[in-house]
Amino acid sequence: MQPMDESGEASTAPRNEFPAVPGVADLAYKLERAMERIEESEERVERLEGRDAD
């Protein structure tokens, strides 16, 4: 299903992933940074566990 414009035809303009709500871009940035930190922590844990296996 595609968004319809005023003429009733399907719009070819890309839909915004997030609505234009103040603060959403900031929250998305913070979420992305948090996910990066989680990934880095997981990598550190894997390295430490690998050392214990020796």
C-alpha atoms as a PDB file:
ATOM      1  CA  MET A   1       0.000   0.000   0.000  1.00  0.00           C
ATOM      2  CA  GLN A   2       1.372   3.404  -0.976  1.00  0.00           C
ATOM      3  CA  PRO A   3       0.426   6.809   0.409  1.00  0.00           C
ATOM      4  CA  MET A   4      -2.023   8.690  -1.774  1.00  0.00           C
ATOM      5  CA  ASP A   5      -1.644  12.306  -2.774  1.00  0.00           C
ATOM      6  CA  GLU A   6      -4.556  14.753  -3.063  1.00  0.00           C
ATOM      7  CA  SER A   7      -5.299  13.694  -6.650  1.00  0.00           C
ATOM      8  CA  GLY A   8      -5.939  10.126  -5.477  1.00  0.00           C
ATOM      9  CA  GLU A   9      -2.863   8.708  -7.207  1.00  0.00           C
ATOM     10  CA  ALA A  10      -0.100   6.846  -5.399  1.00  0.00           C
ATOM     11  CA  SER A  11       2.665   9.144  -4.255  1.00  0.00           C
ATOM     12  CA  THR A  12       6.206   8.383  -5.416  1.00  0.00           C
ATOM     13  CA  ALA A  13       7.768  10.531  -2.669  1.00  0.00           C
ATOM     14  CA  PRO A  14       9.602   8.494  -0.021  1.00  0.00           C
ATOM     15  CA  ARG A  15       7.798   8.196   3.294  1.00  0.00           C
ATOM     16  CA  ASN A  16       9.547   9.540   6.365  1.00  0.00           C
ATOM     17  CA  GLU A  17      10.633   6.726   8.631  1.00  0.00           C
ATOM     18  CA  PHE A  18       9.812   8.873  11.668  1.00  0.00           C
ATOM     19  CA  PRO A  19       7.087  11.476  11.942  1.00  0.00           C
ATOM     20  CA  ALA A  20       8.190  15.096  12.223  1.00  0.00           C
ATOM     21  CA  VAL A  21       8.049  15.189  16.015  1.00  0.00           C
ATOM     22  CA  PRO A  22      10.526  17.340  17.914  1.00  0.00           C
ATOM     23  CA  GLY A  23      13.098  15.242  19.709  1.00  0.00           C
ATOM     24  CA  VAL A  24      12.721  12.082  17.591  1.00  0.00           C
ATOM     25  CA  ALA A  25      16.019  12.663  15.776  1.00  0.00           C
ATOM     26  CA  ASP A  26      17.767  13.190  19.124  1.00  0.00           C
ATOM     27  CA  LEU A  27      16.265  10.004  20.543  1.00  0.00           C
ATOM     28  CA  ALA A  28      17.228   8.063  17.426  1.00  0.00           C
ATOM     29  CA  TYR A  29      20.812   9.311  17.773  1.00  0.00           C
ATOM     30  CA  LYS A  30      20.939   8.353  21.449  1.00  0.00           C
ATOM     31  CA  LEU A  31      19.520   4.911  20.675  1.00  0.00           C
ATOM     32  CA  GLU A  32      22.114   4.378  17.964  1.00  0.00           C
ATOM     33  CA  ARG A  33      24.934   5.348  20.359  1.00  0.00           C
ATOM     34  CA  ALA A  34      23.539   3.034  23.050  1.00  0.00           C
ATOM     35  CA  MET A  35      23.420   0.147  20.570  1.00  0.00           C
ATOM     36  CA  GLU A  36      27.046   0.815  19.603  1.00  0.00           C
ATOM     37  CA  ARG A  37      28.080   0.750  23.275  1.00  0.00           C
ATOM     38  CA  ILE A  38      26.235  -2.542  23.795  1.00  0.00           C
ATOM     39  CA  GLU A  39      28.010  -4.076  20.795  1.00  0.00           C
ATOM     40  CA  GLU A  40      31.389  -2.869  22.090  1.00  0.00           C
ATOM     41  CA  SER A  41      30.646  -4.342  25.521  1.00  0.00           C
ATOM     42  CA  GLU A  42      29.634  -7.665  23.989  1.00  0.00           C
ATOM     43  CA  GLU A  43      32.901  -7.768  22.015  1.00  0.00           C
ATOM     44  CA  ARG A  44      34.904  -7.082  25.194  1.00  0.00           C
ATOM     45  CA  VAL A  45      33.089  -9.859  27.053  1.00  0.00           C
ATOM     46  CA  GLU A  46      33.771 -12.277  24.189  1.00  0.00           C
ATOM     47  CA  ARG A  47      37.479 -11.374  24.255  1.00  0.00           C
ATOM     48  CA  LEU A  48      37.657 -11.822  28.031  1.00  0.00           C
ATOM     49  CA  GLU A  49      35.839 -15.145  27.869  1.00  0.00           C
ATOM     50  CA  GLY A  50      38.233 -16.254  25.145  1.00  0.00           C
ATOM     51  CA  ARG A  51      41.194 -15.511  27.428  1.00  0.00           C
ATOM     52  CA  ASP A  52      39.660 -17.603  30.216  1.00  0.00           C
ATOM     53  CA  ALA A  53      39.314 -20.598  27.867  1.00  0.00           C
ATOM     54  CA  ASP A  54      43.110 -20.815  27.344  1.00  0.00           C
END
